[in-house]
Amino acid sequence: MKARALEEAKIELEEAIEFYHKESDELGERFKRAVNQALVKVLDDPNRWPRISGEYRRCRVLGFRYGVVYRFDAEELVVIAYMHLHRDPEYWKARDPRGRG
């Protein structure tokens, strides 16, 4: 299965990494590793994580207040958002080019 992230999600991730790096380089690196681990888990078994809306699921990033919001089909996994869990829980819905948010 191929994986890709929407441009908005990529920007969101970079901003979060930058925020944690400002706190400390070690914290920024821990965050990047935790996000990568979440993505590996999602790719390994995308059905494992709970649905949060329609076809969208969220995998929590362990140790941080973030979740990876995604959808998938047989060919592709699409990351819609790297969502801070204290943010409006539906802000990402307008992002999906398929319009099913």
Protein backbone atom coordinates (compact mmCIF):
# COMPACT_ATOMS: atom_id res chain seq x y z
CA MET A 1 0.00 0.00 0.00
CA LYS A 2 1.27 3.45 -0.92
CA ALA A 3 1.13 6.25 1.64
CA ARG A 4 1.03 9.99 1.21
CA ALA A 5 0.13 13.04 3.27
CA LEU A 6 -1.91 16.01 2.15
CA GLU A 7 0.11 19.22 1.87
CA GLU A 8 -1.76 20.76 4.82
CA ALA A 9 -0.81 17.74 6.94
CA LYS A 10 2.85 18.04 5.94
CA ILE A 11 2.89 21.69 6.98
CA GLU A 12 1.15 20.84 10.23
CA LEU A 13 3.76 18.18 11.01
CA GLU A 14 6.67 20.50 10.26
CA GLU A 15 5.19 23.18 12.54
CA ALA A 16 4.76 20.66 15.36
CA ILE A 17 8.32 19.38 14.96
CA GLU A 18 9.62 22.95 15.00
CA PHE A 19 7.62 23.70 18.16
CA TYR A 20 9.08 20.69 19.97
CA HIS A 21 12.61 21.46 18.74
CA LYS A 22 12.29 24.93 20.28
CA GLU A 23 11.54 23.24 23.59
CA SER A 24 14.59 21.00 23.18
CA ASP A 25 16.31 19.15 20.35
CA GLU A 26 15.75 15.88 22.17
CA LEU A 27 12.02 16.51 22.47
CA GLY A 28 11.77 17.34 18.77
CA GLU A 29 13.54 14.11 17.88
CA ARG A 30 11.32 12.10 20.24
CA PHE A 31 8.24 13.59 18.59
CA LYS A 32 9.49 12.71 15.08
CA ARG A 33 10.20 9.13 16.17
CA ALA A 34 6.78 8.82 17.82
CA VAL A 35 5.02 10.06 14.65
CA ASN A 36 7.04 7.62 12.52
CA GLN A 37 6.13 4.77 14.87
CA ALA A 38 2.45 5.70 14.60
CA LEU A 39 2.69 5.68 10.80
CA VAL A 40 4.35 2.26 10.81
CA LYS A 41 1.54 0.91 12.98
CA VAL A 42 -1.10 2.40 10.69
CA LEU A 43 0.52 0.95 7.58
CA ASP A 44 0.86 -2.43 9.26
CA ASP A 45 -2.85 -2.63 10.10
CA PRO A 46 -4.94 0.38 9.02
CA ASN A 47 -8.19 -1.19 10.27
CA ARG A 48 -6.87 -1.41 13.83
CA TRP A 49 -7.49 2.21 14.75
CA PRO A 50 -10.90 3.63 15.64
CA ARG A 51 -13.09 5.49 13.21
CA ILE A 52 -13.61 9.10 14.16
CA SER A 53 -15.89 10.12 11.29
CA GLY A 54 -17.13 8.11 8.33
CA GLU A 55 -14.14 6.45 6.68
CA TYR A 56 -11.60 8.44 8.73
CA ARG A 57 -9.55 6.91 11.50
CA ARG A 58 -7.10 8.23 14.07
CA CYS A 59 -4.00 6.66 15.55
CA ARG A 60 -2.66 8.41 18.64
CA VAL A 61 0.98 9.43 18.72
CA LEU A 62 2.28 7.85 21.91
CA GLY A 63 3.70 10.28 24.44
CA PHE A 64 2.26 13.38 22.74
CA ARG A 65 -1.13 15.04 22.38
CA TYR A 66 -1.29 14.29 18.67
CA GLY A 67 -3.06 11.86 16.43
CA VAL A 68 -2.62 10.81 12.81
CA VAL A 69 -5.92 11.22 10.96
CA TYR A 70 -6.13 9.11 7.81
CA ARG A 71 -8.29 7.23 5.35
CA PHE A 72 -7.35 4.30 3.17
CA ASP A 73 -8.46 1.98 0.46
CA ALA A 74 -6.82 -1.05 -1.16
CA GLU A 75 -4.25 1.07 -2.99
CA GLU A 76 -3.44 4.08 -0.84
CA LEU A 77 -3.30 5.44 2.68
CA VAL A 78 -3.81 9.21 2.88
CA VAL A 79 -2.82 11.21 5.98
CA ILE A 80 -5.34 14.01 6.29
CA ALA A 81 -3.93 15.63 9.43
CA TYR A 82 -1.38 15.40 12.19
CA MET A 83 -3.93 16.65 14.68
CA HIS A 84 -3.25 18.21 18.06
CA LEU A 85 -5.84 16.54 20.22
CA HIS A 86 -6.79 19.76 22.02
CA ARG A 87 -7.68 21.49 18.78
CA ASP A 88 -11.16 21.65 17.24
CA PRO A 89 -11.70 17.95 16.49
CA GLU A 90 -13.32 18.61 13.12
CA TYR A 91 -11.05 21.30 11.62
CA TRP A 92 -9.48 18.83 9.18
CA LYS A 93 -12.72 17.68 7.54
CA ALA A 94 -12.63 20.25 4.72
CA ARG A 95 -9.15 19.09 3.63
CA ASP A 96 -9.99 15.85 1.90
CA PRO A 97 -10.05 16.23 -1.88
CA ARG A 98 -12.62 13.43 -2.05
CA GLY A 99 -14.98 15.70 -0.12
CA ARG A 100 -16.10 13.10 2.39
CA GLY A 101 -15.03 14.98 5.51
